[in-house]
């Protein structure tokens, strides 16, 4: 069973090949993970795990710089991708999920248990979108709007994860 879209992505009908060969779309689609037919946000979050693993090996100062760079780069990446697709916050645009996992895990010491819990918490906040995340998702447009709701969901998830770590639960 093929879990990836073949053609017709977005109102402008870009193909999967066009997305995978365009550097901005390749990043916006989380290295291709956003092409998943079902749950592209979850696949996008999973695509962030190797980046997280690489970044966490470099220590907190480098991790912090790279995470901020991922967020800031995500604003034009997602904005350009939305324009090319002709659709704001198309489901396949998952760079915001990639950055979201990095933000969720930012201040928490590495463990596989923390990563699993961080992944689940981030997906819950990103899907449920409690206030003010839902408000931002509806009101803000462009690359900033695409990124900001996920970054805020990640801050909420990261705060819970950090609290769990402080309580010795991780």
C-alpha atoms as a PDB file:
ATOM      1  CA  UNK A   1       0.000   0.000   0.000  1.00  0.00           C
ATOM      2  CA  UNK A   2       1.406   3.377  -1.003  1.00  0.00           C
ATOM      3  CA  UNK A   3       1.029   5.893   1.831  1.00  0.00           C
ATOM      4  CA  UNK A   4       2.217   8.834  -0.250  1.00  0.00           C
ATOM      5  CA  UNK A   5       0.319  11.175  -2.554  1.00  0.00           C
ATOM      6  CA  UNK A   6       1.106  10.722  -6.208  1.00  0.00           C
ATOM      7  CA  UNK A   7      -0.268  13.854  -7.852  1.00  0.00           C
ATOM      8  CA  UNK A   8      -2.545  16.805  -7.382  1.00  0.00           C
ATOM      9  CA  UNK A   9      -1.084  18.431  -4.261  1.00  0.00           C
ATOM     10  CA  UNK A  10      -2.605  21.812  -3.468  1.00  0.00           C
ATOM     11  CA  UNK A  11      -4.797  23.999  -5.622  1.00  0.00           C
ATOM     12  CA  UNK A  12      -1.938  24.486  -8.086  1.00  0.00           C
ATOM     13  CA  UNK A  13      -1.744  20.693  -8.626  1.00  0.00           C
ATOM     14  CA  UNK A  14       1.952  20.133  -8.021  1.00  0.00           C
ATOM     15  CA  UNK A  15       3.173  16.563  -8.274  1.00  0.00           C
ATOM     16  CA  UNK A  16       5.123  14.678  -5.646  1.00  0.00           C
ATOM     17  CA  UNK A  17       8.136  14.778  -8.006  1.00  0.00           C
ATOM     18  CA  UNK A  18       7.902  18.581  -8.233  1.00  0.00           C
ATOM     19  CA  UNK A  19       7.766  18.799  -4.439  1.00  0.00           C
ATOM     20  CA  UNK A  20      10.693  16.442  -3.894  1.00  0.00           C
ATOM     21  CA  UNK A  21      12.909  18.246  -6.429  1.00  0.00           C
ATOM     22  CA  UNK A  22      12.154  21.819  -5.316  1.00  0.00           C
ATOM     23  CA  UNK A  23      14.477  22.656  -2.365  1.00  0.00           C
ATOM     24  CA  UNK A  24      11.939  24.908  -0.598  1.00  0.00           C
ATOM     25  CA  UNK A  25       9.059  22.455  -1.049  1.00  0.00           C
ATOM     26  CA  UNK A  26      11.306  19.543  -0.039  1.00  0.00           C
ATOM     27  CA  UNK A  27      11.981  21.301   3.277  1.00  0.00           C
ATOM     28  CA  UNK A  28       8.397  22.511   3.689  1.00  0.00           C
ATOM     29  CA  UNK A  29       7.215  18.927   3.216  1.00  0.00           C
ATOM     30  CA  UNK A  30       9.604  17.736   5.928  1.00  0.00           C
ATOM     31  CA  UNK A  31      12.011  15.928   3.592  1.00  0.00           C
ATOM     32  CA  UNK A  32       9.022  14.300   1.894  1.00  0.00           C
ATOM     33  CA  UNK A  33       7.205  13.175   5.028  1.00  0.00           C
ATOM     34  CA  UNK A  34       4.379  15.630   4.334  1.00  0.00           C
ATOM     35  CA  UNK A  35       3.460  13.582   1.271  1.00  0.00           C
ATOM     36  CA  UNK A  36       1.882  10.955   3.530  1.00  0.00           C
ATOM     37  CA  UNK A  37      -1.777  10.420   2.634  1.00  0.00           C
ATOM     38  CA  UNK A  38      -2.883  10.178   6.262  1.00  0.00           C
ATOM     39  CA  UNK A  39      -1.557  12.093   9.272  1.00  0.00           C
ATOM     40  CA  UNK A  40       1.127  14.109   7.436  1.00  0.00           C
ATOM     41  CA  UNK A  41       1.675  16.190  10.593  1.00  0.00           C
ATOM     42  CA  UNK A  42       2.539  13.061  12.545  1.00  0.00           C
ATOM     43  CA  UNK A  43       4.888  11.907   9.782  1.00  0.00           C
ATOM     44  CA  UNK A  44       6.428  15.397   9.749  1.00  0.00           C
ATOM     45  CA  UNK A  45       6.975  15.269  13.489  1.00  0.00           C
ATOM     46  CA  UNK A  46       8.576  11.831  13.095  1.00  0.00           C
ATOM     47  CA  UNK A  47      10.835  13.244  10.375  1.00  0.00           C
ATOM     48  CA  UNK A  48      12.188  15.670  12.972  1.00  0.00           C
ATOM     49  CA  UNK A  49      13.542  12.870  15.176  1.00  0.00           C
ATOM     50  CA  UNK A  50      16.845  12.418  13.271  1.00  0.00           C
ATOM     51  CA  UNK A  51      17.375  16.202  13.319  1.00  0.00           C
ATOM     52  CA  UNK A  52      16.618  16.291  17.024  1.00  0.00           C
ATOM     53  CA  UNK A  53      19.048  13.424  17.645  1.00  0.00           C
ATOM     54  CA  UNK A  54      21.766  15.199  15.674  1.00  0.00           C
ATOM     55  CA  UNK A  55      21.143  18.590  17.324  1.00  0.00           C
ATOM     56  CA  UNK A  56      20.996  17.235  20.897  1.00  0.00           C
ATOM     57  CA  UNK A  57      24.463  15.687  20.440  1.00  0.00           C
ATOM     58  CA  UNK A  58      25.899  19.177  19.971  1.00  0.00           C
ATOM     59  CA  UNK A  59      24.946  20.567  23.377  1.00  0.00           C
ATOM     60  CA  UNK A  60      22.366  23.126  24.455  1.00  0.00           C
ATOM     61  CA  UNK A  61      23.967  26.290  22.979  1.00  0.00           C
ATOM     62  CA  UNK A  62      24.234  24.786  19.467  1.00  0.00           C
ATOM     63  CA  UNK A  63      20.836  23.077  19.828  1.00  0.00           C
ATOM     64  CA  UNK A  64      19.326  26.451  20.733  1.00  0.00           C
ATOM     65  CA  UNK A  65      20.862  28.249  17.751  1.00  0.00           C
ATOM     66  CA  UNK A  66      19.796  25.495  15.343  1.00  0.00           C
ATOM     67  CA  UNK A  67      16.257  25.409  16.754  1.00  0.00           C
ATOM     68  CA  UNK A  68      15.857  29.181  16.448  1.00  0.00           C
ATOM     69  CA  UNK A  69      17.272  28.933  12.900  1.00  0.00           C
ATOM     70  CA  UNK A  70      14.711  26.207  12.061  1.00  0.00           C
ATOM     71  CA  UNK A  71      11.899  28.434  13.331  1.00  0.00           C
ATOM     72  CA  UNK A  72      13.088  31.564  11.533  1.00  0.00           C
ATOM     73  CA  UNK A  73      13.834  29.700   8.292  1.00  0.00           C
ATOM     74  CA  UNK A  74      10.415  28.064   8.543  1.00  0.00           C
ATOM     75  CA  UNK A  75       8.607  31.378   8.130  1.00  0.00           C
ATOM     76  CA  UNK A  76       9.720  31.951   4.513  1.00  0.00           C
ATOM     77  CA  UNK A  77       9.884  28.207   3.754  1.00  0.00           C
ATOM     78  CA  UNK A  78       6.232  27.705   4.729  1.00  0.00           C
ATOM     79  CA  UNK A  79       5.113  30.997   3.180  1.00  0.00           C
ATOM     80  CA  UNK A  80       6.744  30.236  -0.169  1.00  0.00           C
ATOM     81  CA  UNK A  81       5.410  26.670  -0.133  1.00  0.00           C
ATOM     82  CA  UNK A  82       1.861  27.875   0.577  1.00  0.00           C
ATOM     83  CA  UNK A  83       2.119  30.343  -2.307  1.00  0.00           C
ATOM     84  CA  UNK A  84       3.462  27.675  -4.691  1.00  0.00           C
ATOM     85  CA  UNK A  85       0.683  25.292  -3.667  1.00  0.00           C
ATOM     86  CA  UNK A  86      -1.961  28.015  -3.835  1.00  0.00           C
ATOM     87  CA  UNK A  87      -3.282  27.038  -0.414  1.00  0.00           C
ATOM     88  CA  UNK A  88      -2.602  28.443   3.055  1.00  0.00           C
ATOM     89  CA  UNK A  89      -1.315  25.835   5.529  1.00  0.00           C
ATOM     90  CA  UNK A  90      -1.768  22.857   3.221  1.00  0.00           C
ATOM     91  CA  UNK A  91      -1.653  19.655   5.308  1.00  0.00           C
ATOM     92  CA  UNK A  92       1.527  18.489   3.588  1.00  0.00           C
ATOM     93  CA  UNK A  93       3.467  21.546   4.750  1.00  0.00           C
ATOM     94  CA  UNK A  94       5.060  20.079   7.873  1.00  0.00           C
ATOM     95  CA  UNK A  95       8.195  22.140   8.479  1.00  0.00           C
ATOM     96  CA  UNK A  96       6.219  23.677  11.360  1.00  0.00           C
ATOM     97  CA  UNK A  97       5.955  20.203  12.900  1.00  0.00           C
ATOM     98  CA  UNK A  98       9.686  19.648  12.430  1.00  0.00           C
ATOM     99  CA  UNK A  99      10.419  22.889  14.275  1.00  0.00           C
ATOM    100  CA  UNK A 100       7.682  22.073  16.792  1.00  0.00           C
ATOM    101  CA  UNK A 101       9.360  18.876  17.952  1.00  0.00           C
ATOM    102  CA  UNK A 102      12.670  20.709  18.307  1.00  0.00           C
ATOM    103  CA  UNK A 103      10.988  23.372  20.470  1.00  0.00           C
ATOM    104  CA  UNK A 104       9.152  20.740  22.541  1.00  0.00           C
ATOM    105  CA  UNK A 105      12.419  18.967  23.372  1.00  0.00           C
ATOM    106  CA  UNK A 106      14.503  22.140  23.826  1.00  0.00           C
ATOM    107  CA  UNK A 107      15.130  22.244  27.594  1.00  0.00           C
ATOM    108  CA  UNK A 108      14.624  18.587  28.438  1.00  0.00           C
ATOM    109  CA  UNK A 109      17.571  16.209  28.896  1.00  0.00           C
ATOM    110  CA  UNK A 110      17.639  13.486  26.261  1.00  0.00           C
ATOM    111  CA  UNK A 111      16.025  10.150  26.943  1.00  0.00           C
ATOM    112  CA  UNK A 112      13.933   7.930  24.703  1.00  0.00           C
ATOM    113  CA  UNK A 113      11.116   8.199  27.240  1.00  0.00           C
ATOM    114  CA  UNK A 114      11.267  12.024  27.078  1.00  0.00           C
ATOM    115  CA  UNK A 115      11.309  11.917  23.274  1.00  0.00           C
ATOM    116  CA  UNK A 116       8.270   9.633  23.135  1.00  0.00           C
ATOM    117  CA  UNK A 117       6.344  11.737  25.650  1.00  0.00           C
ATOM    118  CA  UNK A 118       7.391  14.964  23.919  1.00  0.00           C
ATOM    119  CA  UNK A 119       6.264  13.575  20.565  1.00  0.00           C
ATOM    120  CA  UNK A 120       2.846  12.612  21.967  1.00  0.00           C
ATOM    121  CA  UNK A 121       2.350  15.871  23.881  1.00  0.00           C
ATOM    122  CA  UNK A 122       3.271  17.966  20.862  1.00  0.00           C
ATOM    123  CA  UNK A 123       0.914  16.025  18.580  1.00  0.00           C
ATOM    124  CA  UNK A 124      -1.921  16.438  21.125  1.00  0.00           C
ATOM    125  CA  UNK A 125      -1.441  20.207  21.416  1.00  0.00           C
ATOM    126  CA  UNK A 126      -1.014  20.554  17.653  1.00  0.00           C
ATOM    127  CA  UNK A 127      -4.189  18.580  16.901  1.00  0.00           C
ATOM    128  CA  UNK A 128      -6.454  19.849  19.704  1.00  0.00           C
ATOM    129  CA  UNK A 129      -5.219  23.456  19.436  1.00  0.00           C
ATOM    130  CA  UNK A 130      -6.412  24.881  22.772  1.00  0.00           C
ATOM    131  CA  UNK A 131      -6.725  28.658  23.070  1.00  0.00           C
ATOM    132  CA  UNK A 132      -4.792  30.704  21.956  1.00  0.00           C
ATOM    133  CA  UNK A 133      -3.317  28.209  19.469  1.00  0.00           C
ATOM    134  CA  UNK A 134      -6.610  27.801  17.594  1.00  0.00           C
ATOM    135  CA  UNK A 135      -7.088  31.589  17.449  1.00  0.00           C
ATOM    136  CA  UNK A 136      -3.605  32.053  15.965  1.00  0.00           C
ATOM    137  CA  UNK A 137      -4.225  29.218  13.500  1.00  0.00           C
ATOM    138  CA  UNK A 138      -7.397  30.941  12.252  1.00  0.00           C
ATOM    139  CA  UNK A 139      -6.264  34.584  12.294  1.00  0.00           C
ATOM    140  CA  UNK A 140      -2.625  34.643  11.185  1.00  0.00           C
ATOM    141  CA  UNK A 141      -1.788  34.028   7.557  1.00  0.00           C
ATOM    142  CA  UNK A 142       1.407  33.425   5.633  1.00  0.00           C
ATOM    143  CA  UNK A 143       4.533  31.679   6.790  1.00  0.00           C
ATOM    144  CA  UNK A 144       4.395  33.320  10.211  1.00  0.00           C
ATOM    145  CA  UNK A 145       0.873  32.025  10.794  1.00  0.00           C
ATOM    146  CA  UNK A 146       1.796  28.515   9.649  1.00  0.00           C
ATOM    147  CA  UNK A 147       4.772  28.442  12.015  1.00  0.00           C
ATOM    148  CA  UNK A 148       3.410  30.291  15.022  1.00  0.00           C
ATOM    149  CA  UNK A 149       0.545  27.977  16.010  1.00  0.00           C
ATOM    150  CA  UNK A 150       2.876  24.964  16.001  1.00  0.00           C
ATOM    151  CA  UNK A 151       5.617  26.782  17.881  1.00  0.00           C
ATOM    152  CA  UNK A 152       3.061  27.756  20.531  1.00  0.00           C
ATOM    153  CA  UNK A 153       1.748  24.168  20.689  1.00  0.00           C
ATOM    154  CA  UNK A 154       5.371  23.105  21.166  1.00  0.00           C
ATOM    155  CA  UNK A 155       5.894  25.626  23.970  1.00  0.00           C
ATOM    156  CA  UNK A 156       2.851  24.196  25.780  1.00  0.00           C
ATOM    157  CA  UNK A 157       4.036  20.606  25.215  1.00  0.00           C
ATOM    158  CA  UNK A 158       7.599  21.511  26.172  1.00  0.00           C
ATOM    159  CA  UNK A 159       6.461  23.177  29.398  1.00  0.00           C
ATOM    160  CA  UNK A 160       4.617  20.019  30.444  1.00  0.00           C
ATOM    161  CA  UNK A 161       7.559  17.861  29.434  1.00  0.00           C
ATOM    162  CA  UNK A 162       9.984  20.097  31.349  1.00  0.00           C
ATOM    163  CA  UNK A 163       7.715  19.927  34.439  1.00  0.00           C
ATOM    164  CA  UNK A 164       7.659  16.135  34.184  1.00  0.00           C
ATOM    165  CA  UNK A 165      11.446  16.098  33.963  1.00  0.00           C
ATOM    166  CA  UNK A 166      11.724  18.372  37.038  1.00  0.00           C
ATOM    167  CA  UNK A 167       9.511  15.946  38.970  1.00  0.00           C
ATOM    168  CA  UNK A 168      11.792  13.048  38.058  1.00  0.00           C
ATOM    169  CA  UNK A 169       9.176  11.419  35.834  1.00  0.00           C
ATOM    170  CA  UNK A 170      11.555  11.098  32.915  1.00  0.00           C
END
